[in-house]
Amino acid sequence: MARVLFINAGSEGHINPTIGVVQELIARGEEVVYFCVEAYRERIEQAGAAVRTIDGQKFIQAFISGGRNYPLERVNGLLLTADIVIPSVLEQIEGDTFDYMIHDSMFGCGRILAEMLQLPAISSCTSFAQSEEAFQQSLEHSWADADSEVIHPIKERYGSLISAIQSNYGVEIHTPYEVFCNPAPHTIVYTIREFQPSGDAFDSSYHFVGPSISARDKQDDIDLSASKGQHLIYISLGTVFNMANDFYKLCFEALGGSDHTVVMSVGRRTQITDLGIVPSNFIVRNYVSQTEVLQRANLFITHGGMNSAHEGLYFGVPLIVIPQAADQPIIARQVTKIGAGIQLQMPGLRAKQLRDAAEQVLNNPSYKQSADEMSVALQQSGGFKQAVDVIFEAVNA
């Protein structure tokens, strides 16, 4: 039995794909100590790991304080989290020994901690993988229309943060890419090469294992056995960008009174009573078991987070993707590229546009066919079991 240190401050999209990995590691005899924010303690403990926490409020404040307008500002934000994460982790593992480490590809200072602890490391990439060349191009492109008086202080701050971290923690940081993507000798990517942009460009150190879909809590499940609609439409904007009352009301206008049953998940922060009269063909909840609903759905209207897109396609459900932020526009493009759905834009979205898009996807069998083809590919991928195979091969090489 080996002891595993798992670092993943993360968010919902970074946590969920790792749950099956943790369960499988433990099923194969490993002991896992998992660092995350307090919000995910119960979920990770139920997977069987020992949980230790990072101060989530301080972490988010540090990250946001780096700035949001340019990629290098986000790098600076990640550097600012180092003084939140690293001392906390080191204090809580003092006297412990570990055989290897798994760290998130973005959050948690994984590469720095791996170097400090001198542990074999595997990177856990829950979004699309990004090559160093592509990342550098995005950095350079971001400066195209920026004035030097904007660029200079951001670069200066990056330089001073790098110097401080190297001095304080005795590590070397050579590029912004190392900070943002936390490269390791092996990287697990929770998608398949066919869905990854430029998938053939990544070498064998990137292991595309497919989505890590495991059993989740079935809180507030919905009985859909008596649904009378011609089709079942599921609507969700995920767990982060879901404070969107105007959008939910627009969905009422677009699909209320139609021949379809519509299940809409609005998030725990939304007061359903604030949405007004709920159409009779709608079922609105703060939370639903997404994988359970998707197994019955004919259409998924989604923000296009990686987890949501994968889960929809895994069950062969065509998508309407309305991206909000982060990597969601890229995911939306990939969905349209493979023909499994269409993309709409939230700004200026009208009820008729959404209604017409829904009818287009539901009534054109090509979208369902493409989603089914992707479903086969995703279900034939190894998921969390293959991820653990990769981990064992890497640490025992």
Protein backbone atom coordinates (compact mmCIF):
# COMPACT_ATOMS: atom_id res chain seq x y z
CA MET A 1 0.00 0.00 0.00
CA ALA A 2 1.31 3.43 -0.99
CA ARG A 3 0.44 6.77 0.55
CA VAL A 4 -0.79 9.35 -1.96
CA LEU A 5 -0.83 13.12 -1.53
CA PHE A 6 -3.58 14.70 -3.66
CA ILE A 7 -3.55 18.51 -4.02
CA ASN A 8 -6.64 20.11 -5.52
CA ALA A 9 -7.97 23.35 -4.01
CA GLY A 10 -10.15 23.55 -7.05
CA SER A 11 -13.79 24.08 -7.87
CA GLU A 12 -16.64 21.73 -8.78
CA GLY A 13 -15.24 21.12 -12.25
CA HIS A 14 -11.81 20.29 -10.86
CA ILE A 15 -13.06 18.12 -8.00
CA ASN A 16 -15.73 15.90 -9.56
CA PRO A 17 -13.55 14.07 -12.13
CA THR A 18 -11.15 13.06 -9.37
CA ILE A 19 -13.74 11.35 -7.17
CA GLY A 20 -13.75 8.14 -9.18
CA VAL A 21 -9.94 8.21 -9.26
CA VAL A 22 -9.81 8.45 -5.46
CA GLN A 23 -12.32 5.63 -5.07
CA GLU A 24 -10.35 3.43 -7.46
CA LEU A 25 -7.01 4.18 -5.80
CA ILE A 26 -8.45 3.20 -2.44
CA ALA A 27 -10.12 0.08 -3.90
CA ARG A 28 -6.67 -0.99 -5.11
CA GLY A 29 -5.16 -0.55 -1.66
CA GLU A 30 -3.74 2.97 -1.70
CA GLU A 31 -4.15 5.47 1.15
CA VAL A 32 -5.10 8.94 -0.07
CA VAL A 33 -4.69 12.25 1.75
CA TYR A 34 -6.60 14.87 -0.22
CA PHE A 35 -6.27 18.66 0.10
CA CYS A 36 -9.25 20.75 -1.00
CA VAL A 37 -11.43 23.57 0.28
CA GLU A 38 -13.93 22.84 3.04
CA ALA A 39 -16.92 22.82 0.66
CA TYR A 40 -15.81 19.48 -0.79
CA ARG A 41 -14.80 17.74 2.42
CA GLU A 42 -17.86 15.49 2.66
CA ARG A 43 -17.71 14.50 -1.00
CA ILE A 44 -14.05 13.49 -0.80
CA GLU A 45 -14.47 11.75 2.55
CA GLN A 46 -17.31 9.70 1.07
CA ALA A 47 -14.86 8.64 -1.65
CA GLY A 48 -12.66 7.23 1.13
CA ALA A 49 -9.84 9.76 1.39
CA ALA A 50 -8.57 11.56 4.46
CA VAL A 51 -9.36 15.22 3.88
CA ARG A 52 -7.28 18.21 4.87
CA THR A 53 -8.37 21.68 3.91
CA ILE A 54 -7.08 24.95 2.52
CA ASP A 55 -8.75 28.24 3.47
CA GLY A 56 -11.12 28.69 0.54
CA GLN A 57 -11.91 32.36 1.13
CA LYS A 58 -8.26 33.38 1.37
CA PHE A 59 -7.48 31.24 -1.67
CA ILE A 60 -10.14 32.87 -3.86
CA GLN A 61 -9.27 36.37 -2.64
CA ALA A 62 -5.60 35.81 -3.46
CA PHE A 63 -6.38 34.42 -6.90
CA ILE A 64 -8.78 37.22 -7.84
CA SER A 65 -6.39 39.89 -6.59
CA GLY A 66 -4.01 39.02 -9.41
CA GLY A 67 -6.42 40.53 -11.94
CA ARG A 68 -8.76 39.04 -14.54
CA ASN A 69 -8.24 40.97 -17.78
CA TYR A 70 -5.10 39.32 -19.13
CA PRO A 71 -3.75 35.74 -18.93
CA LEU A 72 -0.59 36.90 -17.14
CA GLU A 73 -2.79 38.49 -14.45
CA ARG A 74 -4.34 35.07 -13.85
CA VAL A 75 -0.84 33.65 -13.59
CA ASN A 76 -0.10 36.31 -11.00
CA GLY A 77 -3.27 35.30 -9.16
CA LEU A 78 -2.08 31.71 -9.00
CA LEU A 79 1.31 32.88 -7.73
CA LEU A 80 -0.45 34.86 -5.02
CA THR A 81 -2.15 31.68 -3.80
CA ALA A 82 1.25 30.14 -3.02
CA ASP A 83 1.45 31.76 0.40
CA ILE A 84 -2.04 30.43 1.17
CA VAL A 85 -1.50 26.88 -0.05
CA ILE A 86 2.12 25.96 0.55
CA PRO A 87 2.50 26.82 4.27
CA SER A 88 -0.87 25.22 5.02
CA VAL A 89 0.01 21.98 3.25
CA LEU A 90 3.48 21.78 4.78
CA GLU A 91 2.14 22.38 8.27
CA GLN A 92 -0.58 19.75 7.93
CA ILE A 93 1.69 17.03 6.53
CA GLU A 94 4.59 17.65 8.90
CA GLY A 95 5.95 14.27 9.97
CA ASP A 96 3.99 12.42 7.25
CA THR A 97 5.60 10.50 4.41
CA PHE A 98 4.14 9.97 0.96
CA ASP A 99 5.12 7.77 -1.95
CA TYR A 100 3.84 9.97 -4.74
CA MET A 101 1.68 12.97 -5.47
CA ILE A 102 -1.24 13.83 -7.75
CA HIS A 103 -1.98 17.51 -8.27
CA ASP A 104 -4.46 19.57 -10.22
CA SER A 105 -3.11 21.06 -13.42
CA MET A 106 -4.14 24.57 -12.40
CA PHE A 107 -4.95 25.08 -8.72
CA GLY A 108 -2.92 24.27 -5.65
CA CYS A 109 0.71 25.06 -6.56
CA GLY A 110 1.14 21.41 -7.50
CA ARG A 111 4.38 21.65 -9.43
CA ILE A 112 6.02 23.77 -6.71
CA LEU A 113 5.00 21.38 -3.93
CA ALA A 114 6.16 18.35 -5.93
CA GLU A 115 9.59 19.96 -6.31
CA MET A 116 9.76 20.94 -2.65
CA LEU A 117 8.71 17.49 -1.42
CA GLN A 118 10.75 15.69 -4.09
CA LEU A 119 7.84 13.37 -4.86
CA PRO A 120 7.01 11.64 -8.16
CA ALA A 121 4.11 13.66 -9.55
CA ILE A 122 1.15 13.17 -11.86
CA SER A 123 -0.86 16.15 -13.11
CA SER A 124 -4.67 15.90 -13.15
CA CYS A 125 -6.07 17.99 -16.02
CA THR A 126 -9.84 18.43 -15.81
CA SER A 127 -10.07 20.91 -18.71
CA PHE A 128 -8.54 20.65 -22.17
CA ALA A 129 -4.80 20.12 -22.15
CA GLN A 130 -2.68 23.05 -23.29
CA SER A 131 0.77 22.84 -24.81
CA GLU A 132 3.47 25.28 -23.81
CA GLU A 133 3.61 26.64 -27.35
CA ALA A 134 -0.15 27.29 -27.44
CA PHE A 135 -0.07 28.89 -24.01
CA GLN A 136 2.78 31.20 -25.00
CA GLN A 137 0.90 32.20 -28.16
CA SER A 138 -2.18 33.07 -26.10
CA LEU A 139 -0.05 35.23 -23.80
CA GLU A 140 1.45 37.12 -26.72
CA HIS A 141 -1.91 37.47 -28.45
CA SER A 142 -3.46 38.94 -25.31
CA TRP A 143 -1.08 41.90 -25.45
CA ALA A 144 -1.95 42.77 -29.07
CA ASP A 145 -4.14 45.79 -28.28
CA ALA A 146 -2.75 46.64 -24.84
CA ASP A 147 -0.76 49.80 -24.09
CA SER A 148 2.70 49.51 -22.59
CA GLU A 149 1.56 51.32 -19.43
CA VAL A 150 -0.91 48.44 -18.91
CA ILE A 151 1.50 45.64 -19.79
CA HIS A 152 4.55 46.84 -17.85
CA PRO A 153 3.15 46.75 -14.29
CA ILE A 154 1.61 43.28 -14.88
CA LYS A 155 4.97 41.93 -16.06
CA GLU A 156 6.76 43.67 -13.21
CA ARG A 157 4.42 42.12 -10.69
CA TYR A 158 4.98 38.70 -12.24
CA GLY A 159 8.74 39.15 -11.90
CA SER A 160 8.55 40.22 -8.26
CA LEU A 161 6.19 37.35 -7.35
CA ILE A 162 8.47 34.82 -9.03
CA SER A 163 11.50 36.17 -7.18
CA ALA A 164 9.70 36.05 -3.83
CA ILE A 165 8.46 32.48 -4.30
CA GLN A 166 11.84 31.21 -5.48
CA SER A 167 13.50 32.86 -2.48
CA ASN A 168 10.92 31.76 0.09
CA TYR A 169 10.48 28.17 -1.05
CA GLY A 170 13.75 27.27 -2.74
CA VAL A 171 12.20 26.32 -6.08
CA GLU A 172 12.79 27.37 -9.65
CA ILE A 173 10.08 28.76 -11.90
CA HIS A 174 11.13 29.25 -15.49
CA THR A 175 7.97 30.26 -17.35
CA PRO A 176 4.36 31.40 -16.79
CA TYR A 177 3.32 28.07 -18.32
CA GLU A 178 4.80 26.22 -15.34
CA VAL A 179 2.62 28.29 -13.02
CA PHE A 180 -0.60 28.07 -15.01
CA CYS A 181 -0.46 24.46 -16.24
CA ASN A 182 1.62 22.73 -13.53
CA PRO A 183 3.32 20.29 -15.94
CA ALA A 184 4.45 16.89 -14.64
CA PRO A 185 6.18 13.90 -16.24
CA HIS A 186 2.70 12.40 -16.73
CA THR A 187 -0.60 14.21 -17.21
CA ILE A 188 -4.02 12.60 -16.98
CA VAL A 189 -6.55 14.39 -19.19
CA TYR A 190 -10.22 13.58 -18.59
CA THR A 191 -11.30 13.64 -22.22
CA ILE A 192 -10.48 11.73 -25.39
CA ARG A 193 -8.12 12.82 -28.14
CA GLU A 194 -11.04 13.10 -30.59
CA PHE A 195 -12.60 15.85 -28.45
CA GLN A 196 -9.35 17.58 -27.42
CA PRO A 197 -8.44 20.49 -29.74
CA SER A 198 -5.34 19.46 -31.71
CA GLY A 199 -5.37 16.16 -29.86
CA ASP A 200 -2.68 14.61 -32.08
CA ALA A 201 -0.21 17.32 -31.06
CA PHE A 202 0.26 15.88 -27.55
CA ASP A 203 2.89 13.24 -26.89
CA SER A 204 2.58 10.01 -24.90
CA SER A 205 3.13 11.77 -21.56
CA TYR A 206 -0.46 13.04 -21.94
CA HIS A 207 -2.90 10.25 -21.17
CA PHE A 208 -6.40 10.90 -22.54
CA VAL A 209 -8.45 8.59 -20.36
CA GLY A 210 -11.91 9.96 -21.06
CA PRO A 211 -14.41 11.36 -18.57
CA SER A 212 -14.25 10.14 -15.01
CA ILE A 213 -17.96 9.60 -14.37
CA SER A 214 -18.73 7.90 -11.08
CA ALA A 215 -21.77 7.53 -8.84
CA ARG A 216 -22.87 10.76 -7.15
CA ASP A 217 -25.26 11.54 -4.34
CA LYS A 218 -28.88 11.35 -5.48
CA GLN A 219 -30.23 14.32 -3.57
CA ASP A 220 -33.66 15.62 -4.58
CA ASP A 221 -34.09 13.06 -7.35
CA ILE A 222 -37.06 13.52 -9.67
CA ASP A 223 -39.47 10.84 -10.74
CA LEU A 224 -39.64 11.16 -14.51
CA SER A 225 -41.54 7.95 -15.14
CA ALA A 226 -44.81 9.83 -15.61
CA SER A 227 -43.46 12.66 -17.78
CA LYS A 228 -45.83 13.24 -20.68
CA GLY A 229 -43.82 15.52 -22.91
CA GLN A 230 -42.84 14.59 -26.45
CA HIS A 231 -39.22 15.12 -25.44
CA LEU A 232 -37.36 15.65 -22.18
CA ILE A 233 -35.22 18.80 -22.14
CA TYR A 234 -32.73 19.39 -19.35
CA ILE A 235 -31.43 22.90 -18.58
CA SER A 236 -28.54 23.74 -16.27
CA LEU A 237 -25.86 26.42 -16.08
CA GLY A 238 -23.72 24.38 -13.70
CA THR A 239 -22.66 25.30 -10.19
CA VAL A 240 -20.71 28.56 -10.65
CA PHE A 241 -22.35 30.76 -13.32
CA ASN A 242 -25.92 29.93 -12.39
CA MET A 243 -27.21 33.18 -10.88
CA ALA A 244 -29.20 33.89 -14.01
CA ASN A 245 -32.85 34.65 -13.24
CA ASP A 246 -33.38 36.48 -16.52
CA PHE A 247 -32.16 33.43 -18.43
CA TYR A 248 -34.43 31.09 -16.48
CA LYS A 249 -37.42 33.34 -17.20
CA LEU A 250 -36.40 33.39 -20.87
CA CYS A 251 -36.50 29.57 -20.82
CA PHE A 252 -40.06 29.77 -19.46
CA GLU A 253 -40.98 32.06 -22.34
CA ALA A 254 -39.22 29.93 -24.95
CA LEU A 255 -40.36 26.46 -23.87
CA GLY A 256 -43.32 26.98 -21.53
CA GLY A 257 -46.53 25.44 -22.85
CA SER A 258 -44.63 23.34 -25.40
CA ASP A 259 -45.11 19.61 -25.93
CA HIS A 260 -41.87 18.94 -24.07
CA THR A 261 -41.17 18.19 -20.42
CA VAL A 262 -38.46 20.55 -19.18
CA VAL A 263 -36.32 19.89 -16.11
CA MET A 264 -34.41 22.99 -15.03
CA SER A 265 -31.74 23.08 -12.31
CA VAL A 266 -31.17 26.63 -11.08
CA GLY A 267 -28.54 26.19 -8.37
CA ARG A 268 -28.75 26.42 -4.62
CA ARG A 269 -28.38 30.22 -4.52
CA THR A 270 -31.46 30.91 -6.65
CA GLN A 271 -34.84 31.43 -5.00
CA ILE A 272 -37.31 29.62 -7.24
CA THR A 273 -40.11 31.90 -6.02
CA ASP A 274 -38.23 34.84 -7.59
CA LEU A 275 -38.76 33.33 -11.05
CA GLY A 276 -42.50 33.91 -11.06
CA ILE A 277 -45.08 31.45 -12.35
CA VAL A 278 -43.51 28.15 -13.39
CA PRO A 279 -45.07 26.73 -16.58
CA SER A 280 -46.92 23.44 -16.08
CA ASN A 281 -44.51 21.51 -18.32
CA PHE A 282 -41.48 22.64 -16.24
CA ILE A 283 -39.92 20.93 -13.23
CA VAL A 284 -37.66 23.45 -11.49
CA ARG A 285 -35.28 22.45 -8.71
CA ASN A 286 -32.30 23.97 -6.96
CA TYR A 287 -30.45 20.70 -7.46
CA VAL A 288 -31.02 17.55 -9.48
CA SER A 289 -28.93 14.43 -10.01
CA GLN A 290 -27.61 15.46 -13.41
CA THR A 291 -26.45 12.05 -14.59
CA GLU A 292 -29.79 10.54 -13.67
CA VAL A 293 -31.74 13.12 -15.68
CA LEU A 294 -29.37 12.94 -18.65
CA GLN A 295 -30.00 9.22 -19.03
CA ARG A 296 -33.59 10.17 -19.93
CA ALA A 297 -33.01 13.48 -21.72
CA ASN A 298 -33.32 14.25 -25.44
CA LEU A 299 -31.64 17.67 -25.26
CA PHE A 300 -29.29 19.34 -22.80
CA ILE A 301 -29.15 23.16 -22.70
CA THR A 302 -25.91 23.87 -20.87
CA HIS A 303 -23.21 26.44 -20.12
CA GLY A 304 -20.71 23.98 -21.58
CA GLY A 305 -18.50 23.23 -18.61
CA MET A 306 -16.24 20.25 -19.25
CA ASN A 307 -18.06 18.01 -16.77
CA SER A 308 -21.49 18.89 -18.14
CA ALA A 309 -20.50 18.55 -21.79
CA HIS A 310 -18.88 15.19 -21.13
CA GLU A 311 -21.84 13.89 -19.13
CA GLY A 312 -24.32 14.92 -21.81
CA LEU A 313 -22.27 13.35 -24.61
CA TYR A 314 -21.50 10.26 -22.51
CA PHE A 315 -25.23 9.52 -22.48
CA GLY A 316 -25.70 10.45 -26.15
CA VAL A 317 -27.60 13.69 -25.50
CA PRO A 318 -27.26 16.51 -28.08
CA LEU A 319 -26.36 19.90 -26.64
CA ILE A 320 -27.21 23.55 -26.97
CA VAL A 321 -24.17 25.26 -25.46
CA ILE A 322 -24.43 28.79 -24.09
CA PRO A 323 -20.90 29.46 -22.83
CA GLN A 324 -20.35 31.80 -19.89
CA ALA A 325 -16.60 31.95 -19.18
CA ALA A 326 -13.30 30.07 -18.83
CA ASP A 327 -12.84 27.22 -21.35
CA GLN A 328 -16.55 27.02 -22.18
CA PRO A 329 -16.31 28.82 -25.57
CA ILE A 330 -13.66 26.28 -26.63
CA ILE A 331 -15.86 23.40 -25.49
CA ALA A 332 -18.81 24.92 -27.38
CA ARG A 333 -16.71 25.07 -30.56
CA GLN A 334 -15.72 21.42 -30.16
CA VAL A 335 -19.35 20.37 -29.68
CA THR A 336 -20.37 22.14 -32.89
CA LYS A 337 -17.29 20.81 -34.70
CA ILE A 338 -18.29 17.19 -34.04
CA GLY A 339 -21.90 17.97 -34.99
CA ALA A 340 -23.38 17.05 -31.59
CA GLY A 341 -25.04 20.40 -30.95
CA ILE A 342 -25.09 24.11 -31.58
CA GLN A 343 -23.78 27.18 -29.81
CA LEU A 344 -25.75 30.25 -28.75
CA GLN A 345 -24.54 33.44 -27.09
CA MET A 346 -26.05 34.64 -23.84
CA PRO A 347 -25.81 38.39 -24.63
CA GLY A 348 -28.83 39.32 -26.72
CA LEU A 349 -30.38 35.84 -26.54
CA ARG A 350 -34.11 35.89 -27.31
CA ALA A 351 -36.83 33.39 -26.49
CA LYS A 352 -37.62 32.67 -30.14
CA GLN A 353 -33.94 32.03 -30.86
CA LEU A 354 -33.72 29.50 -28.03
CA ARG A 355 -37.02 27.85 -29.00
CA ASP A 356 -35.97 27.55 -32.65
CA ALA A 357 -32.58 26.13 -31.65
CA ALA A 358 -34.24 23.53 -29.43
CA GLU A 359 -36.58 22.44 -32.22
CA GLN A 360 -33.68 22.33 -34.67
CA VAL A 361 -31.65 19.98 -32.48
CA LEU A 362 -34.62 17.83 -31.49
CA ASN A 363 -35.95 17.41 -35.03
CA ASN A 364 -32.68 16.98 -36.95
CA PRO A 365 -31.45 13.40 -36.35
CA SER A 366 -27.87 14.28 -37.31
CA TYR A 367 -27.28 15.90 -33.90
CA LYS A 368 -28.44 12.79 -32.05
CA GLN A 369 -26.37 10.58 -34.35
CA SER A 370 -23.21 12.60 -33.68
CA ALA A 371 -23.90 12.58 -29.94
CA ASP A 372 -24.38 8.80 -30.05
CA GLU A 373 -21.08 8.36 -31.89
CA MET A 374 -19.30 10.43 -29.25
CA SER A 375 -21.11 8.46 -26.54
CA VAL A 376 -19.62 5.22 -27.86
CA ALA A 377 -16.12 6.72 -27.92
CA LEU A 378 -16.45 8.15 -24.41
CA GLN A 379 -17.91 4.97 -22.93
CA GLN A 380 -15.16 2.89 -24.50
CA SER A 381 -12.48 5.09 -22.93
CA GLY A 382 -10.99 3.94 -19.66
CA GLY A 383 -12.14 6.76 -17.39
CA PHE A 384 -11.03 6.62 -13.76
CA LYS A 385 -9.92 2.98 -14.02
CA GLN A 386 -7.51 3.83 -16.84
CA ALA A 387 -6.39 6.91 -14.91
CA VAL A 388 -5.31 4.70 -12.01
CA ASP A 389 -3.60 2.29 -14.41
CA VAL A 390 -1.59 5.26 -15.72
CA ILE A 391 -0.77 6.38 -12.17
CA PHE A 392 0.49 2.93 -11.18
CA GLU A 393 2.57 2.59 -14.35
CA ALA A 394 4.09 6.04 -13.81
CA VAL A 395 5.07 5.57 -10.15
CA ASN A 396 6.30 2.01 -10.61
CA ALA A 397 8.35 2.68 -13.74
